[in-house]
Each structure stands twice: as structure tokens, then as C-alpha cells.
Protein backbone atom coordinates (compact mmCIF):
# COMPACT_ATOMS: atom_id res chain seq x y z
CA MET A 1 14.97 2.63 11.00
CA THR A 2 11.77 1.06 12.24
CA ASN A 3 11.84 -2.01 14.45
CA GLN A 4 11.72 -4.95 12.07
CA LYS A 5 9.30 -6.82 14.31
CA ASP A 6 6.75 -4.08 13.65
CA CYS A 7 6.69 -4.90 9.94
CA GLY A 8 3.38 -6.48 8.97
CA LEU A 9 2.06 -8.35 5.95
CA ILE A 10 -0.74 -7.02 3.73
CA LEU A 11 -2.26 -9.42 1.21
CA ALA A 12 -2.95 -7.82 -2.17
CA LEU A 13 -6.34 -9.28 -3.05
CA ASP A 14 -5.81 -8.88 -6.80
CA LEU A 15 -8.33 -11.40 -8.10
CA GLU A 16 -10.99 -11.44 -10.81
CA THR A 17 -14.23 -12.06 -8.93
CA ARG A 18 -15.87 -11.55 -5.56
CA GLU A 19 -16.46 -15.29 -5.22
CA GLU A 20 -12.83 -16.13 -5.85
CA ALA A 21 -11.66 -13.46 -3.43
CA LEU A 22 -13.95 -14.55 -0.60
CA GLU A 23 -13.02 -18.20 -1.14
CA VAL A 24 -9.34 -17.33 -0.80
CA LEU A 25 -9.99 -15.31 2.36
CA ASP A 26 -12.01 -18.12 3.91
CA HIS A 27 -9.09 -20.47 3.22
CA LEU A 28 -6.49 -18.07 4.60
CA GLY A 29 -8.23 -17.58 7.94
CA ASP A 30 -5.98 -15.86 10.47
CA SER A 31 -2.79 -16.45 8.47
CA VAL A 32 -3.39 -12.92 7.16
CA GLU A 33 -4.50 -9.87 9.17
CA TRP A 34 -4.53 -7.16 6.49
CA VAL A 35 -6.09 -7.18 3.02
CA LYS A 36 -5.51 -4.69 0.22
CA ILE A 37 -8.53 -4.08 -1.99
CA GLY A 38 -7.65 -2.39 -5.26
CA LEU A 39 -9.39 -0.81 -8.20
CA GLN A 40 -10.45 -4.04 -9.90
CA LEU A 41 -12.57 -5.50 -7.10
CA PHE A 42 -13.75 -2.13 -5.79
CA THR A 43 -14.91 -1.04 -9.24
CA ALA A 44 -16.70 -4.34 -9.80
CA TYR A 45 -18.36 -4.75 -6.39
CA GLY A 46 -18.16 -1.41 -4.62
CA PRO A 47 -18.41 -0.55 -0.92
CA ASP A 48 -20.44 -3.67 -0.10
CA PHE A 49 -17.44 -5.82 -0.97
CA VAL A 50 -15.30 -3.86 1.49
CA ARG A 51 -17.90 -4.54 4.18
CA GLU A 52 -17.98 -8.25 3.32
CA VAL A 53 -14.23 -8.53 3.76
CA ALA A 54 -14.30 -6.57 7.02
CA LYS A 55 -17.01 -8.89 8.40
CA ARG A 56 -14.45 -11.69 8.11
CA ASN A 57 -12.31 -9.77 10.62
CA TYR A 58 -9.72 -8.53 8.15
CA ARG A 59 -8.27 -5.04 8.38
CA ILE A 60 -8.72 -3.09 5.16
CA PHE A 61 -6.22 -1.19 3.05
CA LEU A 62 -8.21 0.46 0.23
CA ASP A 63 -5.81 1.11 -2.63
CA LEU A 64 -7.67 3.47 -4.97
CA LYS A 65 -4.81 5.91 -5.64
CA LEU A 66 -7.15 8.90 -5.68
CA HIS A 67 -6.02 11.64 -8.08
CA ASP A 68 -8.38 14.46 -9.04
CA ILE A 69 -9.09 18.08 -8.20
CA PRO A 70 -8.93 18.79 -4.44
CA ASN A 71 -12.68 19.09 -3.87
CA THR A 72 -13.45 15.82 -5.66
CA VAL A 73 -10.82 13.91 -3.69
CA ALA A 74 -12.03 15.41 -0.41
CA LYS A 75 -15.58 14.30 -1.19
CA ALA A 76 -14.31 10.81 -2.02
CA VAL A 77 -12.51 10.64 1.33
CA GLN A 78 -15.72 11.74 3.04
CA SER A 79 -17.58 8.85 1.37
CA ILE A 80 -14.86 6.32 2.17
CA ALA A 81 -15.00 7.46 5.79
CA GLN A 82 -18.29 5.55 6.06
CA LEU A 83 -16.47 2.27 5.36
CA PRO A 84 -14.37 0.06 7.68
CA VAL A 85 -11.13 1.20 6.04
CA GLU A 86 -7.92 2.00 7.94
CA LEU A 87 -5.51 2.83 5.11
CA LEU A 88 -6.30 4.72 1.90
CA THR A 89 -4.03 5.70 -0.99
CA LEU A 90 -3.91 8.84 -3.08
CA HIS A 91 -1.38 9.89 -5.70
CA ALA A 92 1.36 12.20 -4.46
CA ALA A 93 1.43 13.67 -7.97
CA GLY A 94 -1.99 15.16 -7.26
CA GLY A 95 -0.14 17.88 -5.39
CA PRO A 96 -0.07 19.39 -1.90
CA GLU A 97 -3.46 21.13 -2.16
CA MET A 98 -5.22 17.89 -3.06
CA ILE A 99 -3.59 16.14 -0.11
CA GLU A 100 -4.42 19.01 2.25
CA TRP A 101 -8.10 18.86 1.29
CA ALA A 102 -8.13 15.07 1.62
CA ASN A 103 -6.55 15.28 5.06
CA GLN A 104 -9.08 17.88 6.21
CA ALA A 105 -11.90 15.56 5.13
CA ARG A 106 -10.21 12.72 7.00
CA LEU A 107 -9.92 14.77 10.18
CA GLU A 108 -13.58 15.77 10.02
CA HIS A 109 -15.09 12.41 9.11
CA ALA A 110 -12.64 9.57 9.90
CA PRO A 111 -9.68 10.62 12.06
CA GLN A 112 -8.69 6.97 12.49
CA LEU A 113 -8.11 6.67 8.73
CA LYS A 114 -4.54 7.07 7.47
CA LEU A 115 -3.81 8.60 4.07
CA LEU A 116 -0.87 7.13 2.18
CA ALA A 117 0.69 9.06 -0.68
CA VAL A 118 1.78 6.90 -3.60
CA THR A 119 5.09 8.28 -4.83
CA VAL A 120 6.36 6.39 -7.90
CA LEU A 121 4.69 3.13 -8.96
CA THR A 122 6.90 0.07 -8.54
CA SER A 123 6.29 -0.74 -12.21
CA MET A 124 8.14 2.45 -13.20
CA SER A 125 11.87 2.57 -13.87
CA SER A 126 14.02 5.70 -14.10
CA GLU A 127 14.03 5.27 -17.88
CA GLN A 128 10.24 5.22 -17.99
CA LEU A 129 10.11 8.34 -15.83
CA GLN A 130 12.44 10.09 -18.26
CA ALA A 131 10.06 9.20 -21.07
CA LEU A 132 7.45 11.21 -19.13
CA ASN A 133 9.87 14.15 -18.95
CA VAL A 134 10.81 13.50 -15.32
CA GLN A 135 14.50 14.36 -15.50
CA VAL A 136 15.58 12.86 -12.19
CA SER A 137 16.06 9.29 -10.97
CA ALA A 138 13.22 7.28 -9.49
CA GLU A 139 14.72 7.71 -6.01
CA GLU A 140 15.01 11.49 -6.36
CA GLN A 141 11.42 11.72 -7.57
CA VAL A 142 10.22 9.56 -4.66
CA LEU A 143 12.01 11.77 -2.13
CA HIS A 144 10.63 14.94 -3.70
CA LEU A 145 7.03 13.68 -3.79
CA ALA A 146 7.34 12.22 -0.29
CA LYS A 147 8.49 15.54 1.18
CA LYS A 148 5.65 17.49 -0.43
CA SER A 149 3.06 14.89 0.59
CA LEU A 150 4.11 14.66 4.23
CA GLU A 151 4.25 18.45 4.52
CA ALA A 152 0.70 18.57 3.13
CA GLY A 153 -0.62 16.20 5.79
CA ALA A 154 -0.28 12.64 4.52
CA GLN A 155 0.26 10.15 7.33
CA GLY A 156 2.40 7.83 5.27
CA LEU A 157 3.84 6.78 1.95
CA VAL A 158 3.73 3.97 -0.56
CA CYS A 159 7.01 3.37 -2.33
CA SER A 160 9.32 0.74 -3.73
CA PRO A 161 11.41 -0.99 -1.05
CA LEU A 162 14.54 0.20 -2.84
CA GLU A 163 13.82 3.77 -1.73
CA LEU A 164 13.27 2.83 1.92
CA PRO A 165 16.79 3.59 3.23
CA ALA A 166 16.79 7.07 1.68
CA LEU A 167 13.28 7.80 3.00
CA ARG A 168 14.12 6.70 6.52
CA GLU A 169 17.33 8.72 6.45
CA GLN A 170 15.47 11.86 5.40
CA PHE A 171 12.21 11.51 7.34
CA GLY A 172 13.07 9.22 10.26
CA THR A 173 10.69 6.69 11.76
CA ASP A 174 7.54 8.83 11.89
CA PRO A 175 5.95 8.26 8.46
CA LEU A 176 4.10 5.00 7.97
CA ILE A 177 5.69 3.36 4.92
CA VAL A 178 3.99 0.61 2.94
CA THR A 179 6.02 -1.21 0.31
CA PRO A 180 4.65 -3.20 -2.62
CA GLY A 181 7.12 -4.86 -4.98
CA ILE A 182 7.82 -7.59 -2.43
CA ARG A 183 8.80 -11.00 -3.75
CA PRO A 184 9.79 -13.91 -1.49
CA LYS A 185 12.91 -15.73 -2.67
CA GLY A 186 12.22 -17.77 -5.79
CA SER A 187 9.17 -15.73 -6.85
CA ASP A 188 8.72 -14.17 -10.28
CA SER A 189 8.94 -10.36 -10.20
CA ASN A 190 6.24 -10.11 -12.92
CA GLU A 191 5.89 -6.51 -14.15
CA GLN A 192 7.44 -5.04 -11.00
CA LYS A 193 10.74 -3.28 -11.70
CA ARG A 194 11.96 -2.39 -8.21
CA VAL A 195 11.56 -5.40 -5.91
CA MET A 196 12.93 -6.82 -2.65
CA THR A 197 12.43 -9.83 -0.36
CA PRO A 198 10.23 -9.54 2.77
CA SER A 199 13.09 -9.68 5.26
CA ALA A 200 15.19 -7.17 3.33
CA ALA A 201 12.27 -4.73 3.17
CA ALA A 202 11.66 -5.08 6.90
CA GLN A 203 15.32 -4.48 7.68
CA ALA A 204 15.28 -1.41 5.43
CA GLY A 205 12.47 0.12 7.48
CA SER A 206 9.12 -0.90 6.00
CA ASN A 207 6.09 -0.84 8.31
CA TYR A 208 4.00 -3.03 6.02
CA ILE A 209 4.90 -5.11 2.99
CA VAL A 210 2.36 -5.92 0.28
CA VAL A 211 2.42 -9.40 -1.24
CA GLY A 212 -0.08 -10.69 -3.78
CA ARG A 213 0.60 -13.31 -6.41
CA PRO A 214 3.32 -15.22 -4.52
CA ILE A 215 0.65 -16.00 -1.89
CA LEU A 216 -2.45 -16.19 -4.09
CA LYS A 217 -0.85 -18.53 -6.61
CA ALA A 218 0.93 -20.74 -4.08
CA ASP A 219 -0.08 -24.39 -3.69
CA ASP A 220 -0.93 -23.56 -0.07
CA PRO A 221 -1.64 -19.82 0.27
CA ALA A 222 -2.19 -19.99 4.04
CA LEU A 223 1.15 -21.72 4.60
CA THR A 224 2.94 -19.28 2.33
CA ALA A 225 1.42 -16.29 4.14
CA THR A 226 2.35 -17.79 7.50
CA ASN A 227 5.92 -18.33 6.34
CA VAL A 228 6.21 -14.72 5.17
CA ARG A 229 4.96 -13.48 8.54
CA LYS A 230 7.42 -15.76 10.32
CA GLU A 231 10.21 -14.35 8.17
CA LEU A 232 9.25 -10.87 9.35
CA THR A 233 8.99 -11.69 13.05
CA LEU A 234 12.14 -13.83 13.30
CA LEU A 235 14.53 -11.13 12.10
């Protein structure tokens, strides 16, 4: 299990517009260190938005969940290497060859970048996986995809916090594990199916937890973010 005090907070910047996102970041100040930029804002505003966020001294987790043929993903990683990004996601379901090519591009163009393989989305239940003809539980599928991804060169994983104990038991402390599906006590789980509180995720071995709406929609986002970070460091 990882040292709980090493568990950090990543803010999921899941907002509609650039203006709204930058206003929130300006309000948050140093209550947040890491920001996750996803498909919505990246598609709307592109690489320049990533640079704008980085200029405000935030560390960037670019959550694009790349999934395509190996050459296309490798070229995308090469392009992303020009940006101030430290963490980047790709889909584990893309297969070992795709991850191998992506990792080779990372090594050649941005060795400081870490590739995180997304195993099973936190919105997916075992029943939903079965509807896609995946005839194993969510946890079994996560472990299978994690093993293949790490063997192919991924530096870390993205998974539900519920799979953390099994992942740490099988792979130890080496892989970087980022966990969405985090909801502070009293928060609505929204469409997430497999959720956990910040302190429970840290104790289970998460390196970084991802929190979005509970912070963004709070009356005082900066205070809420600070309280989550305190919860992580006081364990």
C-alpha cells in the first residue's frame, strides 16, 4: 500500500467554457495543485487552453483517453509532448501494441510524461460490462487490463477506488494509480457507479484522487478543496 500522505488531489475541470474554467482557477489559487483537463474543454479550446492553465502554475493531467491504431496514438503522444502536460490517459482496451507505441513516443519526445491506462470507466457496472459481452466482473476486467497495460509500458493506471486493494495486492506500490469516482461524505454520486470517499481511497492505496463537481459546485470551492487535501494529509 502506498503511504497515504503521498495521495494528492486532482481537480476535474469539467466545465462548459474557457471563461468559467479560468474564473474558477483564479478563485481556487493554491488550494489546488493539479488540474484535469478532459475532452470537453480540450476539444473546444485546444492546446492553447492547456498552456493558459499551466501559466497559472497548475500541474496538468490531460485526460483524453486516447484509443486508436498504434501509429495514430503514437503521433498524438508526440504532439502532446510539446505541451506542459505531466499525466496523459489512454484506453487500456486499445491493447498492448498501442500502449507500446505510445510509450516509445513518450520516451523519444517527453520522457517526463507519464502514461496512464484507463481500465474500466467508473460509470460502468459489472452488469453493463456483461451487456458488452465482457463475461467477468468489473474487478477481474480491471486486473486483466492493468496487467497487460503495465507489461506494455504504461507508467500507471486509472481505475475505480473499489479496485485499489486488488491492484496493490497484485502489482505492489510501483504503478501510479489515479482514482476518479471520489465523493466526499454527503456528496451526490451522480452517474458514477463505483465510488469512495477521499480518505478511504487514500488508505486503499491511491496516489491521486480526482474530484470535480463536489468542489466546483460547492458554495466555497477553495475551502472545499482545502478540506479534501487536509483529509488526505491528516490520515
